[in-house]
PDB file of N, CA and C in Angstrom:
ATOM      1  N   MET A   1      71.958 139.408  56.166  1.00  0.00           N
ATOM      2  CA  MET A   1      71.073 138.814  55.693  1.00  0.00           C
ATOM      3  C   MET A   1      70.290 139.661  54.462  1.00  0.00           C
ATOM      4  N   SER A   2      70.795 139.894  53.539  1.00  0.00           N
ATOM      5  CA  SER A   2      68.929 139.764  52.356  1.00  0.00           C
ATOM      6  C   SER A   2      67.495 139.866  53.242  1.00  0.00           C
ATOM      7  N   GLU A   3      67.140 140.509  52.124  1.00  0.00           N
ATOM      8  CA  GLU A   3      64.964 140.171  52.456  1.00  0.00           C
ATOM      9  C   GLU A   3      65.552 138.412  52.508  1.00  0.00           C
ATOM     10  N   VAL A   4      65.167 137.934  51.044  1.00  0.00           N
ATOM     11  CA  VAL A   4      65.124 137.028  50.371  1.00  0.00           C
ATOM     12  C   VAL A   4      65.824 135.731  51.088  1.00  0.00           C
ATOM     13  N   SER A   5      66.889 135.478  51.713  1.00  0.00           N
ATOM     14  CA  SER A   5      66.852 134.862  52.491  1.00  0.00           C
ATOM     15  C   SER A   5      66.471 134.286  54.054  1.00  0.00           C
ATOM     16  N   LEU A   6      66.409 135.728  53.847  1.00  0.00           N
ATOM     17  CA  LEU A   6      65.732 136.358  55.502  1.00  0.00           C
ATOM     18  C   LEU A   6      64.062 135.158  55.657  1.00  0.00           C
ATOM     19  N   LEU A   7      63.576 135.977  53.617  1.00  0.00           N
ATOM     20  CA  LEU A   7      62.015 134.906  53.933  1.00  0.00           C
ATOM     21  C   LEU A   7      62.217 133.633  53.507  1.00  0.00           C
ATOM     22  N   HIS A   8      63.481 132.658  52.816  1.00  0.00           N
ATOM     23  CA  HIS A   8      63.858 131.495  52.667  1.00  0.00           C
ATOM     24  C   HIS A   8      64.245 130.591  54.640  1.00  0.00           C
ATOM     25  N   ALA A   9      65.087 131.337  55.522  1.00  0.00           N
ATOM     26  CA  ALA A   9      65.932 131.548  56.451  1.00  0.00           C
ATOM     27  C   ALA A   9      64.526 131.242  57.255  1.00  0.00           C
ATOM     28  N   SER A  10      63.381 132.244  57.098  1.00  0.00           N
ATOM     29  CA  SER A  10      62.376 132.064  58.279  1.00  0.00           C
ATOM     30  C   SER A  10      61.488 130.903  58.885  1.00  0.00           C
ATOM     31  N   PRO A  11      60.699 129.788  57.544  1.00  0.00           N
ATOM     32  CA  PRO A  11      60.356 128.575  58.714  1.00  0.00           C
ATOM     33  C   PRO A  11      61.501 128.073  59.452  1.00  0.00           C
ATOM     34  N   PHE A  12      62.107 128.152  59.050  1.00  0.00           N
ATOM     35  CA  PHE A  12      64.288 127.706  59.917  1.00  0.00           C
ATOM     36  C   PHE A  12      64.429 127.505  61.385  1.00  0.00           C
ATOM     37  N   ILE A  13      64.054 128.939  61.116  1.00  0.00           N
ATOM     38  CA  ILE A  13      63.944 129.668  61.974  1.00  0.00           C
ATOM     39  C   ILE A  13      62.564 129.849  63.439  1.00  0.00           C
ATOM     40  N   ALA A  14      62.306 129.475  62.695  1.00  0.00           N
ATOM     41  CA  ALA A  14      60.474 129.505  64.029  1.00  0.00           C
ATOM     42  C   ALA A  14      60.010 128.774  64.040  1.00  0.00           C
ATOM     43  N   LEU A  15      60.878 126.891  63.312  1.00  0.00           N
ATOM     44  CA  LEU A  15      60.720 125.742  63.806  1.00  0.00           C
ATOM     45  C   LEU A  15      60.493 125.901  65.054  1.00  0.00           C
ATOM     46  N   PRO A  16      61.577 125.909  65.284  1.00  0.00           N
ATOM     47  CA  PRO A  16      62.277 125.505  66.669  1.00  0.00           C
ATOM     48  C   PRO A  16      60.971 126.706  67.856  1.00  0.00           C
ATOM     49  N   PHE A  17      60.510 127.075  68.276  1.00  0.00           N
ATOM     50  CA  PHE A  17      59.812 128.010  69.117  1.00  0.00           C
ATOM     51  C   PHE A  17      58.737 127.487  68.629  1.00  0.00           C
ATOM     52  N   VAL A  18      57.772 127.187  67.339  1.00  0.00           N
ATOM     53  CA  VAL A  18      57.134 126.542  67.423  1.00  0.00           C
ATOM     54  C   VAL A  18      56.874 125.270  68.570  1.00  0.00           C
ATOM     55  N   GLY A  19      58.312 124.329  68.007  1.00  0.00           N
ATOM     56  CA  GLY A  19      58.413 122.870  68.840  1.00  0.00           C
ATOM     57  C   GLY A  19      58.770 123.108  70.712  1.00  0.00           C
ATOM     58  N   ALA A  20      58.447 124.132  70.753  1.00  0.00           N
ATOM     59  CA  ALA A  20      59.084 125.316  72.164  1.00  0.00           C
ATOM     60  C   ALA A  20      57.233 125.692  72.311  1.00  0.00           C
ATOM     61  N   PHE A  21      56.745 126.049  72.055  1.00  0.00           N
ATOM     62  CA  PHE A  21      55.024 126.406  71.783  1.00  0.00           C
ATOM     63  C   PHE A  21      55.338 125.569  72.451  1.00  0.00           C
ATOM     64  N   ILE A  22      55.026 123.685  72.130  1.00  0.00           N
ATOM     65  CA  ILE A  22      54.188 123.121  71.628  1.00  0.00           C
ATOM     66  C   ILE A  22      54.593 122.321  73.571  1.00  0.00           C
ATOM     67  N   GLY A  23      55.508 121.854  73.899  1.00  0.00           N
ATOM     68  CA  GLY A  23      56.522 120.999  74.400  1.00  0.00           C
ATOM     69  C   GLY A  23      56.200 121.756  75.788  1.00  0.00           C
ATOM     70  N   GLN A  24      56.424 123.954  75.797  1.00  0.00           N
ATOM     71  CA  GLN A  24      55.171 124.478  77.207  1.00  0.00           C
ATOM     72  C   GLN A  24      54.112 124.385  77.459  1.00  0.00           C
ATOM     73  N   ARG A  25      52.744 123.917  75.598  1.00  0.00           N
ATOM     74  CA  ARG A  25      51.744 123.803  76.153  1.00  0.00           C
ATOM     75  C   ARG A  25      51.695 122.090  77.097  1.00  0.00           C
ATOM     76  N   ILE A  26      52.641 121.325  77.239  1.00  0.00           N
ATOM     77  CA  ILE A  26      52.380 120.090  77.325  1.00  0.00           C
ATOM     78  C   ILE A  26      52.955 120.318  78.825  1.00  0.00           C
ATOM     79  N   VAL A  27      54.326 121.146  79.702  1.00  0.00           N
ATOM     80  CA  VAL A  27      54.550 120.777  81.067  1.00  0.00           C
ATOM     81  C   VAL A  27      54.370 122.145  81.619  1.00  0.00           C
ATOM     82  N   SER A  28      53.106 123.062  80.782  1.00  0.00           N
ATOM     83  CA  SER A  28      52.483 123.802  82.091  1.00  0.00           C
ATOM     84  C   SER A  28      51.926 123.390  83.251  1.00  0.00           C
ATOM     85  N   LYS A  29      51.269 122.576  82.995  1.00  0.00           N
ATOM     86  CA  LYS A  29      50.629 122.224  84.831  1.00  0.00           C
ATOM     87  C   LYS A  29      50.918 121.020  85.115  1.00  0.00           C
ATOM     88  N   ASN A  30      52.898 121.461  85.327  1.00  0.00           N
ATOM     89  CA  ASN A  30      53.991 120.705  85.717  1.00  0.00           C
ATOM     90  C   ASN A  30      54.979 121.839  86.651  1.00  0.00           C
ATOM     91  N   MET A  31      54.605 123.371  85.822  1.00  0.00           N
ATOM     92  CA  MET A  31      55.040 124.855  86.183  1.00  0.00           C
ATOM     93  C   MET A  31      55.837 125.123  87.688  1.00  0.00           C
ATOM     94  N   TYR A  32      54.327 125.099  88.685  1.00  0.00           N
ATOM     95  CA  TYR A  32      53.397 125.414  89.920  1.00  0.00           C
ATOM     96  C   TYR A  32      54.467 124.203  90.682  1.00  0.00           C
ATOM     97  N   TRP A  33      54.266 122.672  89.999  1.00  0.00           N
ATOM     98  CA  TRP A  33      55.452 121.814  91.164  1.00  0.00           C
ATOM     99  C   TRP A  33      57.022 122.298  90.948  1.00  0.00           C
ATOM    100  N   TYR A  34      57.248 122.624  89.763  1.00  0.00           N
ATOM    101  CA  TYR A  34      58.186 122.801  89.354  1.00  0.00           C
ATOM    102  C   TYR A  34      58.556 124.438  90.862  1.00  0.00           C
ATOM    103  N   ASP A  35      58.527 125.156  90.827  1.00  0.00           N
ATOM    104  CA  ASP A  35      58.201 126.044  91.298  1.00  0.00           C
ATOM    105  C   ASP A  35      58.893 126.103  92.841  1.00  0.00           C
ATOM    106  N   THR A  36      57.852 124.947  93.484  1.00  0.00           N
ATOM    107  CA  THR A  36      57.765 124.813  94.414  1.00  0.00           C
ATOM    108  C   THR A  36      59.568 124.226  95.012  1.00  0.00           C
ATOM    109  N   LEU A  37      60.087 123.631  94.320  1.00  0.00           N
ATOM    110  CA  LEU A  37      60.858 122.346  94.413  1.00  0.00           C
ATOM    111  C   LEU A  37      62.311 123.547  95.293  1.00  0.00           C
ATOM    112  N   ARG A  38      63.191 122.282  95.542  1.00  0.00           N
ATOM    113  CA  ARG A  38      64.466 123.037  96.212  1.00  0.00           C
ATOM    114  C   ARG A  38      65.175 123.446  94.966  1.00  0.00           C
ATOM    115  N   LYS A  39      66.462 125.089  94.805  1.00  0.00           N
ATOM    116  CA  LYS A  39      66.884 124.526  93.736  1.00  0.00           C
ATOM    117  C   LYS A  39      68.111 125.130  94.154  1.00  0.00           C
ATOM    118  N   PRO A  40      69.492 124.967  93.569  1.00  0.00           N
ATOM    119  CA  PRO A  40      70.656 124.939  93.311  1.00  0.00           C
ATOM    120  C   PRO A  40      70.962 126.541  94.465  1.00  0.00           C
ATOM    121  N   SER A  41      71.813 127.628  94.578  1.00  0.00           N
ATOM    122  CA  SER A  41      72.313 128.026  94.848  1.00  0.00           C
ATOM    123  C   SER A  41      72.545 128.847  93.341  1.00  0.00           C
ATOM    124  N   PHE A  42      73.220 127.910  91.991  1.00  0.00           N
ATOM    125  CA  PHE A  42      73.424 128.169  91.286  1.00  0.00           C
ATOM    126  C   PHE A  42      72.942 128.913  90.117  1.00  0.00           C
ATOM    127  N   SER A  43      71.293 127.963  90.365  1.00  0.00           N
ATOM    128  CA  SER A  43      70.037 128.265  89.573  1.00  0.00           C
ATOM    129  C   SER A  43      69.419 129.266  89.613  1.00  0.00           C
ATOM    130  N   PRO A  44      69.692 130.098  88.005  1.00  0.00           N
ATOM    131  CA  PRO A  44      69.498 131.099  87.377  1.00  0.00           C
ATOM    132  C   PRO A  44      67.869 131.535  88.695  1.00  0.00           C
ATOM    133  N   PRO A  45      67.695 132.839  88.080  1.00  0.00           N
ATOM    134  CA  PRO A  45      66.096 133.226  88.157  1.00  0.00           C
ATOM    135  C   PRO A  45      65.539 132.646  86.895  1.00  0.00           C
ATOM    136  N   LYS A  46      64.237 132.686  87.137  1.00  0.00           N
ATOM    137  CA  LYS A  46      63.310 131.819  86.375  1.00  0.00           C
ATOM    138  C   LYS A  46      63.856 132.606  85.033  1.00  0.00           C
ATOM    139  N   TRP A  47      62.966 134.568  85.110  1.00  0.00           N
ATOM    140  CA  TRP A  47      63.066 135.800  83.843  1.00  0.00           C
ATOM    141  C   TRP A  47      63.922 134.774  83.009  1.00  0.00           C
ATOM    142  N   VAL A  48      65.587 134.598  83.478  1.00  0.00           N
ATOM    143  CA  VAL A  48      66.655 134.505  82.716  1.00  0.00           C
ATOM    144  C   VAL A  48      65.959 132.763  81.866  1.00  0.00           C
ATOM    145  N   PHE A  49      65.173 132.219  82.228  1.00  0.00           N
ATOM    146  CA  PHE A  49      65.597 131.433  81.053  1.00  0.00           C
ATOM    147  C   PHE A  49      64.524 131.217  79.897  1.00  0.00           C
ATOM    148  N   GLY A  50      63.785 132.423  79.724  1.00  0.00           N
ATOM    149  CA  GLY A  50      63.014 131.958  78.625  1.00  0.00           C
ATOM    150  C   GLY A  50      63.724 133.426  77.568  1.00  0.00           C
ATOM    151  N   PRO A  51      64.868 133.983  77.494  1.00  0.00           N
ATOM    152  CA  PRO A  51      65.171 134.577  77.121  1.00  0.00           C
ATOM    153  C   PRO A  51      66.708 133.304  76.115  1.00  0.00           C
ATOM    154  N   VAL A  52      67.318 133.054  78.041  1.00  0.00           N
ATOM    155  CA  VAL A  52      68.488 131.662  77.261  1.00  0.00           C
ATOM    156  C   VAL A  52      67.453 130.978  75.642  1.00  0.00           C
ATOM    157  N   TRP A  53      66.626 130.507  76.126  1.00  0.00           N
ATOM    158  CA  TRP A  53      66.060 129.439  75.929  1.00  0.00           C
ATOM    159  C   TRP A  53      65.818 130.069  74.128  1.00  0.00           C
ATOM    160  N   SER A  54      64.951 130.912  73.726  1.00  0.00           N
ATOM    161  CA  SER A  54      64.483 132.470  72.842  1.00  0.00           C
ATOM    162  C   SER A  54      65.931 132.217  71.898  1.00  0.00           C
ATOM    163  N   ALA A  55      67.318 132.592  73.232  1.00  0.00           N
ATOM    164  CA  ALA A  55      68.688 132.223  71.285  1.00  0.00           C
ATOM    165  C   ALA A  55      68.820 131.491  71.645  1.00  0.00           C
ATOM    166  N   LEU A  56      68.306 130.053  72.290  1.00  0.00           N
ATOM    167  CA  LEU A  56      69.028 128.864  71.595  1.00  0.00           C
ATOM    168  C   LEU A  56      68.185 128.247  70.263  1.00  0.00           C
ATOM    169  N   TYR A  57      66.750 128.750  70.806  1.00  0.00           N
ATOM    170  CA  TYR A  57      66.258 128.187  69.647  1.00  0.00           C
ATOM    171  C   TYR A  57      66.129 128.796  68.562  1.00  0.00           C
ATOM    172  N   GLY A  58      66.043 130.108  68.252  1.00  0.00           N
ATOM    173  CA  GLY A  58      67.504 130.965  67.453  1.00  0.00           C
ATOM    174  C   GLY A  58      68.232 130.862  66.630  1.00  0.00           C
ATOM    175  N   CYS A  59      69.330 129.980  67.548  1.00  0.00           N
ATOM    176  CA  CYS A  59      70.637 129.425  66.698  1.00  0.00           C
ATOM    177  C   CYS A  59      70.136 128.607  66.095  1.00  0.00           C
ATOM    178  N   MET A  60      69.240 127.134  67.046  1.00  0.00           N
ATOM    179  CA  MET A  60      69.478 125.967  66.468  1.00  0.00           C
ATOM    180  C   MET A  60      68.812 125.858  64.718  1.00  0.00           C
ATOM    181  N   GLY A  61      67.605 127.462  64.551  1.00  0.00           N
ATOM    182  CA  GLY A  61      67.073 127.098  63.577  1.00  0.00           C
ATOM    183  C   GLY A  61      67.577 127.666  62.636  1.00  0.00           C
ATOM    184  N   ALA A  62      68.026 128.707  63.110  1.00  0.00           N
ATOM    185  CA  ALA A  62      69.557 129.534  62.161  1.00  0.00           C
ATOM    186  C   ALA A  62      70.238 128.414  61.260  1.00  0.00           C
ATOM    187  N   ALA A  63      71.029 127.826  62.350  1.00  0.00           N
ATOM    188  CA  ALA A  63      72.034 127.284  62.458  1.00  0.00           C
ATOM    189  C   ALA A  63      71.055 125.625  60.611  1.00  0.00           C
ATOM    190  N   SER A  64      70.373 124.860  60.941  1.00  0.00           N
ATOM    191  CA  SER A  64      69.295 124.321  60.585  1.00  0.00           C
ATOM    192  C   SER A  64      69.429 125.255  59.452  1.00  0.00           C
ATOM    193  N   TYR A  65      69.133 125.767  58.915  1.00  0.00           N
ATOM    194  CA  TYR A  65      69.123 126.913  57.536  1.00  0.00           C
ATOM    195  C   TYR A  65      70.053 126.623  56.817  1.00  0.00           C
ATOM    196  N   LEU A  66      71.064 127.049  57.244  1.00  0.00           N
ATOM    197  CA  LEU A  66      72.714 127.472  57.318  1.00  0.00           C
ATOM    198  C   LEU A  66      73.010 125.394  57.100  1.00  0.00           C
ATOM    199  N   VAL A  67      73.269 124.477  57.342  1.00  0.00           N
ATOM    200  CA  VAL A  67      72.900 123.587  56.620  1.00  0.00           C
ATOM    201  C   VAL A  67      72.054 123.034  55.201  1.00  0.00           C
ATOM    202  N   TRP A  68      70.711 123.595  55.233  1.00  0.00           N
ATOM    203  CA  TRP A  68      70.026 122.987  54.053  1.00  0.00           C
ATOM    204  C   TRP A  68      70.620 123.890  52.744  1.00  0.00           C
ATOM    205  N   ARG A  69      70.641 125.374  53.224  1.00  0.00           N
ATOM    206  CA  ARG A  69      71.103 126.543  52.168  1.00  0.00           C
ATOM    207  C   ARG A  69      72.396 125.442  51.194  1.00  0.00           C
ATOM    208  N   ASP A  70      73.732 124.623  52.432  1.00  0.00           N
ATOM    209  CA  ASP A  70      75.293 125.549  51.920  1.00  0.00           C
ATOM    210  C   ASP A  70      74.756 123.091  51.450  1.00  0.00           C
ATOM    211  N   ALA A  71      73.556 122.957  51.522  1.00  0.00           N
ATOM    212  CA  ALA A  71      74.185 121.457  51.369  1.00  0.00           C
ATOM    213  C   ALA A  71      73.086 121.069  49.698  1.00  0.00           C
ATOM    214  N   SER A  72      72.684 122.193  49.694  1.00  0.00           N
ATOM    215  CA  SER A  72      72.340 122.033  48.337  1.00  0.00           C
ATOM    216  C   SER A  72      70.699 121.143  47.997  1.00  0.00           C
ATOM    217  N   HIS A  73      69.746 121.287  49.488  1.00  0.00           N
ATOM    218  CA  HIS A  73      69.534 120.196  49.406  1.00  0.00           C
ATOM    219  C   HIS A  73      69.407 118.733  49.533  1.00  0.00           C
ATOM    220  N   GLU A  74      70.789 118.307  49.236  1.00  0.00           N
ATOM    221  CA  GLU A  74      70.967 116.860  49.301  1.00  0.00           C
ATOM    222  C   GLU A  74      70.482 115.822  50.502  1.00  0.00           C
ATOM    223  N   LYS A  75      69.415 115.129  49.655  1.00  0.00           N
ATOM    224  CA  LYS A  75      68.860 114.042  50.913  1.00  0.00           C
ATOM    225  C   LYS A  75      70.101 114.208  52.120  1.00  0.00           C
ATOM    226  N   GLY A  76      70.855 113.545  52.768  1.00  0.00           N
ATOM    227  CA  GLY A  76      71.719 113.027  53.871  1.00  0.00           C
ATOM    228  C   GLY A  76      71.591 114.072  54.416  1.00  0.00           C
ATOM    229  N   ALA A  77      71.678 115.242  54.024  1.00  0.00           N
ATOM    230  CA  ALA A  77      71.605 116.743  55.163  1.00  0.00           C
ATOM    231  C   ALA A  77      70.814 116.807  55.698  1.00  0.00           C
ATOM    232  N   ILE A  78      69.309 116.422  54.779  1.00  0.00           N
ATOM    233  CA  ILE A  78      68.212 116.601  55.339  1.00  0.00           C
ATOM    234  C   ILE A  78      67.618 115.336  56.010  1.00  0.00           C
ATOM    235  N   ILE A  79      68.243 114.699  55.879  1.00  0.00           N
ATOM    236  CA  ILE A  79      67.943 113.115  56.949  1.00  0.00           C
ATOM    237  C   ILE A  79      69.002 114.108  58.402  1.00  0.00           C
ATOM    238  N   ASN A  80      69.562 113.998  58.329  1.00  0.00           N
ATOM    239  CA  ASN A  80      70.870 114.384  59.689  1.00  0.00           C
ATOM    240  C   ASN A  80      69.669 115.639  59.909  1.00  0.00           C
ATOM    241  N   LEU A  81      69.335 116.430  59.220  1.00  0.00           N
ATOM    242  CA  LEU A  81      69.043 117.654  60.182  1.00  0.00           C
ATOM    243  C   LEU A  81      68.406 117.350  60.587  1.00  0.00           C
ATOM    244  N   GLY A  82      66.897 116.379  60.377  1.00  0.00           N
ATOM    245  CA  GLY A  82      65.539 115.226  60.971  1.00  0.00           C
ATOM    246  C   GLY A  82      66.438 114.547  62.273  1.00  0.00           C
ATOM    247  N   ILE A  83      67.457 113.969  62.244  1.00  0.00           N
ATOM    248  CA  ILE A  83      67.748 113.027  62.925  1.00  0.00           C
ATOM    249  C   ILE A  83      68.568 114.207  63.676  1.00  0.00           C
ATOM    250  N   PHE A  84      69.398 115.355  64.334  1.00  0.00           N
ATOM    251  CA  PHE A  84      69.620 115.423  65.283  1.00  0.00           C
ATOM    252  C   PHE A  84      69.095 116.643  65.295  1.00  0.00           C
ATOM    253  N   GLY A  85      67.565 117.163  64.904  1.00  0.00           N
ATOM    254  CA  GLY A  85      66.606 117.871  65.658  1.00  0.00           C
ATOM    255  C   GLY A  85      65.536 116.656  66.380  1.00  0.00           C
ATOM    256  N   GLY A  86      65.942 115.539  65.971  1.00  0.00           N
ATOM    257  CA  GLY A  86      64.858 114.375  67.098  1.00  0.00           C
ATOM    258  C   GLY A  86      66.050 114.376  68.726  1.00  0.00           C
ATOM    259  N   ALA A  87      67.236 114.320  68.299  1.00  0.00           N
ATOM    260  CA  ALA A  87      67.763 114.375  69.008  1.00  0.00           C
ATOM    261  C   ALA A  87      68.000 115.339  70.824  1.00  0.00           C
ATOM    262  N   VAL A  88      67.840 116.652  69.489  1.00  0.00           N
ATOM    263  CA  VAL A  88      68.163 117.491  70.170  1.00  0.00           C
ATOM    264  C   VAL A  88      66.385 117.875  71.297  1.00  0.00           C
ATOM    265  N   THR A  89      65.182 117.171  70.035  1.00  0.00           N
ATOM    266  CA  THR A  89      63.982 117.195  70.895  1.00  0.00           C
ATOM    267  C   THR A  89      63.742 116.295  71.894  1.00  0.00           C
ATOM    268  N   CYS A  90      64.392 115.067  71.992  1.00  0.00           N
ATOM    269  CA  CYS A  90      64.300 113.957  73.355  1.00  0.00           C
ATOM    270  C   CYS A  90      64.945 114.639  74.219  1.00  0.00           C
ATOM    271  N   VAL A  91      66.400 114.781  74.360  1.00  0.00           N
ATOM    272  CA  VAL A  91      66.853 116.223  75.836  1.00  0.00           C
ATOM    273  C   VAL A  91      65.746 116.849  76.636  1.00  0.00           C
ATOM    274  N   HIS A  92      64.914 117.491  75.160  1.00  0.00           N
ATOM    275  CA  HIS A  92      64.497 119.042  75.730  1.00  0.00           C
ATOM    276  C   HIS A  92      63.070 117.748  76.347  1.00  0.00           C
ATOM    277  N   LEU A  93      62.509 117.758  76.028  1.00  0.00           N
ATOM    278  CA  LEU A  93      61.256 117.213  76.333  1.00  0.00           C
ATOM    279  C   LEU A  93      61.039 115.852  77.372  1.00  0.00           C
ATOM    280  N   PHE A  94      62.230 115.027  76.913  1.00  0.00           N
ATOM    281  CA  PHE A  94      62.631 113.948  78.468  1.00  0.00           C
ATOM    282  C   PHE A  94      62.855 115.147  80.031  1.00  0.00           C
ATOM    283  N   ARG A  95      63.569 116.327  79.867  1.00  0.00           N
ATOM    284  CA  ARG A  95      63.942 116.226  81.084  1.00  0.00           C
ATOM    285  C   ARG A  95      63.078 116.795  81.789  1.00  0.00           C
ATOM    286  N   SER A  96      61.483 117.295  80.650  1.00  0.00           N
ATOM    287  CA  SER A  96      60.794 117.558  82.235  1.00  0.00           C
ATOM    288  C   SER A  96      59.809 116.027  82.943  1.00  0.00           C
ATOM    289  N   ILE A  97      60.425 115.490  82.470  1.00  0.00           N
ATOM    290  CA  ILE A  97      59.741 113.931  82.611  1.00  0.00           C
ATOM    291  C   ILE A  97      61.168 112.793  84.119  1.00  0.00           C
ATOM    292  N   ASN A  98      61.969 113.246  83.684  1.00  0.00           N
ATOM    293  CA  ASN A  98      62.963 112.475  83.442  1.00  0.00           C
ATOM    294  C   ASN A  98      64.479 113.258  83.290  1.00  0.00           C
ATOM    295  N   ILE A  99      65.453 113.430  84.780  1.00  0.00           N
ATOM    296  CA  ILE A  99      66.670 114.301  84.148  1.00  0.00           C
ATOM    297  C   ILE A  99      67.530 113.054  83.579  1.00  0.00           C
ATOM    298  N   SER A 100      67.737 112.130  84.712  1.00  0.00           N
ATOM    299  CA  SER A 100      68.326 111.515  83.720  1.00  0.00           C
ATOM    300  C   SER A 100      68.221 110.536  83.108  1.00  0.00           C
ATOM    301  N   ALA A 101      66.789 110.710  82.022  1.00  0.00           N
ATOM    302  CA  ALA A 101      67.064 109.987  80.735  1.00  0.00           C
ATOM    303  C   ALA A 101      67.414 111.095  79.686  1.00  0.00           C
ATOM    304  N   SER A 102      66.816 112.555  80.413  1.00  0.00           N
ATOM    305  CA  SER A 102      67.469 114.061  79.356  1.00  0.00           C
ATOM    306  C   SER A 102      68.879 113.339  79.113  1.00  0.00           C
ATOM    307  N   ASN A 103      69.659 113.644  80.822  1.00  0.00           N
ATOM    308  CA  ASN A 103      71.085 113.620  80.629  1.00  0.00           C
ATOM    309  C   ASN A 103      71.015 112.731  79.686  1.00  0.00           C
ATOM    310  N   LEU A 104      70.824 111.427  79.888  1.00  0.00           N
ATOM    311  CA  LEU A 104      71.292 110.247  78.893  1.00  0.00           C
ATOM    312  C   LEU A 104      71.553 110.289  77.312  1.00  0.00           C
ATOM    313  N   MET A 105      70.549 110.778  77.137  1.00  0.00           N
ATOM    314  CA  MET A 105      70.567 111.713  75.093  1.00  0.00           C
ATOM    315  C   MET A 105      71.621 112.615  74.988  1.00  0.00           C
ATOM    316  N   ILE A 106      72.215 113.278  75.651  1.00  0.00           N
ATOM    317  CA  ILE A 106      72.586 114.303  75.653  1.00  0.00           C
ATOM    318  C   ILE A 106      74.224 113.669  74.273  1.00  0.00           C
ATOM    319  N   PRO A 107      74.727 113.026  75.750  1.00  0.00           N
ATOM    320  CA  PRO A 107      76.185 112.272  74.385  1.00  0.00           C
ATOM    321  C   PRO A 107      75.744 111.651  72.781  1.00  0.00           C
ATOM    322  N   TYR A 108      73.856 111.447  72.560  1.00  0.00           N
ATOM    323  CA  TYR A 108      73.613 111.132  71.548  1.00  0.00           C
ATOM    324  C   TYR A 108      73.341 112.387  70.396  1.00  0.00           C
ATOM    325  N   ALA A 109      73.117 113.319  71.123  1.00  0.00           N
ATOM    326  CA  ALA A 109      72.634 114.302  70.424  1.00  0.00           C
ATOM    327  C   ALA A 109      73.678 115.060  70.317  1.00  0.00           C
ATOM    328  N   LEU A 110      75.030 115.125  71.268  1.00  0.00           N
ATOM    329  CA  LEU A 110      76.645 115.501  70.188  1.00  0.00           C
ATOM    330  C   LEU A 110      77.016 115.134  68.876  1.00  0.00           C
ATOM    331  N   TRP A 111      76.920 113.310  69.132  1.00  0.00           N
ATOM    332  CA  TRP A 111      77.288 112.922  68.570  1.00  0.00           C
ATOM    333  C   TRP A 111      76.445 112.654  67.123  1.00  0.00           C
ATOM    334  N   ALA A 112      75.099 112.804  66.880  1.00  0.00           N
ATOM    335  CA  ALA A 112      74.519 113.259  65.435  1.00  0.00           C
ATOM    336  C   ALA A 112      74.715 114.928  64.804  1.00  0.00           C
ATOM    337  N   ALA A 113      75.083 115.808  65.394  1.00  0.00           N
ATOM    338  CA  ALA A 113      75.873 117.139  65.273  1.00  0.00           C
ATOM    339  C   ALA A 113      77.101 116.254  64.568  1.00  0.00           C
ATOM    340  N   PHE A 114      78.033 116.406  64.981  1.00  0.00           N
ATOM    341  CA  PHE A 114      78.859 115.894  64.936  1.00  0.00           C
ATOM    342  C   PHE A 114      78.942 114.665  63.399  1.00  0.00           C
ATOM    343  N   ALA A 115      77.783 113.670  64.255  1.00  0.00           N
ATOM    344  CA  ALA A 115      78.085 113.210  62.483  1.00  0.00           C
ATOM    345  C   ALA A 115      77.446 114.226  61.733  1.00  0.00           C
ATOM    346  N   SER A 116      76.310 114.390  61.734  1.00  0.00           N
ATOM    347  CA  SER A 116      75.932 115.704  60.855  1.00  0.00           C
ATOM    348  C   SER A 116      77.388 116.724  60.378  1.00  0.00           C
ATOM    349  N   VAL A 117      77.718 117.191  61.090  1.00  0.00           N
ATOM    350  CA  VAL A 117      79.204 118.147  60.114  1.00  0.00           C
ATOM    351  C   VAL A 117      79.620 117.335  59.690  1.00  0.00           C
ATOM    352  N   ILE A 118      80.006 115.920  59.307  1.00  0.00           N
ATOM    353  CA  ILE A 118      81.007 115.295  58.963  1.00  0.00           C
ATOM    354  C   ILE A 118      80.672 114.358  57.463  1.00  0.00           C
ATOM    355  N   SER A 119      79.088 114.647  57.364  1.00  0.00           N
ATOM    356  CA  SER A 119      77.953 113.781  56.587  1.00  0.00           C
ATOM    357  C   SER A 119      78.325 115.208  55.095  1.00  0.00           C
ATOM    358  N   VAL A 120      77.834 116.375  56.233  1.00  0.00           N
ATOM    359  CA  VAL A 120      77.920 117.856  55.118  1.00  0.00           C
ATOM    360  C   VAL A 120      78.487 117.904  54.475  1.00  0.00           C
ATOM    361  N   ARG A 121      79.742 117.831  55.360  1.00  0.00           N
ATOM    362  CA  ARG A 121      81.480 118.330  54.569  1.00  0.00           C
ATOM    363  C   ARG A 121      81.254 117.207  54.169  1.00  0.00           C
ATOM    364  N   VAL A 122      81.367 116.250  54.247  1.00  0.00           N
ATOM    365  CA  VAL A 122      81.961 115.424  53.168  1.00  0.00           C
ATOM    366  C   VAL A 122      80.719 115.324  51.639  1.00  0.00           C
ATOM    367  N   ALA A 123      79.964 115.653  51.686  1.00  0.00           N
ATOM    368  CA  ALA A 123      79.166 115.616  50.834  1.00  0.00           C
ATOM    369  C   ALA A 123      79.550 117.235  49.984  1.00  0.00           C
ATOM    370  N   MET A 124      80.381 117.833  50.934  1.00  0.00           N
ATOM    371  CA  MET A 124      80.104 119.587  49.906  1.00  0.00           C
ATOM    372  C   MET A 124      82.020 118.798  49.167  1.00  0.00           C
ATOM    373  N   LEU A 125      82.218 117.804  50.243  1.00  0.00           N
ATOM    374  CA  LEU A 125      84.141 117.523  49.727  1.00  0.00           C
ATOM    375  C   LEU A 125      83.675 116.831  47.964  1.00  0.00           C
ATOM    376  N   ASN A 126      82.861 115.974  47.674  1.00  0.00           N
ATOM    377  CA  ASN A 126      82.336 115.192  46.894  1.00  0.00           C
ATOM    378  C   ASN A 126      81.511 115.711  46.349  1.00  0.00           C
ATOM    379  N   ASP A 127      81.440 116.919  45.899  1.00  0.00           N
ATOM    380  CA  ASP A 127      80.434 117.272  45.208  1.00  0.00           C
ATOM    381  C   ASP A 127      80.951 117.430  43.600  1.00  0.00           C
ATOM    382  N   ASP A 128      80.732 116.889  42.801  1.00  0.00           N
ATOM    383  CA  ASP A 128      81.354 116.530  41.457  1.00  0.00           C
ATOM    384  C   ASP A 128      79.818 117.231  40.591  1.00  0.00           C
ATOM    385  N   ASP A 129      79.686 118.574  40.961  1.00  0.00           N
ATOM    386  CA  ASP A 129      79.263 119.542  40.024  1.00  0.00           C
ATOM    387  C   ASP A 129      80.680 120.540  39.336  1.00  0.00           C
TER     388      ASP A 129
END
């Protein structure tokens, strides 16, 4: 990635980390409670979550930048990014309140991603430039 591309991508990559930081500040008071819960044998050690979530946030940010870049800033792409971002945020934030509510949002997040891909592809196929 060139320096110019990295400069343009930086806000997109940083935004999920900002959201994660804010979310962490909100739920941090419940971490002691969570640590005391019984967990299944396949639950990874606590240290795994930071690197995994960091990688996922980086991927989300990079994906958002690529859609923004390749859709030529079209209004539809921006709207789709917002919808998908909102859905993913709900899945993440709901999990700390009610895991069932979070799980119920996953199909919507997946559908929003699918619909966004279709919308961007339709826009690309119908670009009259």
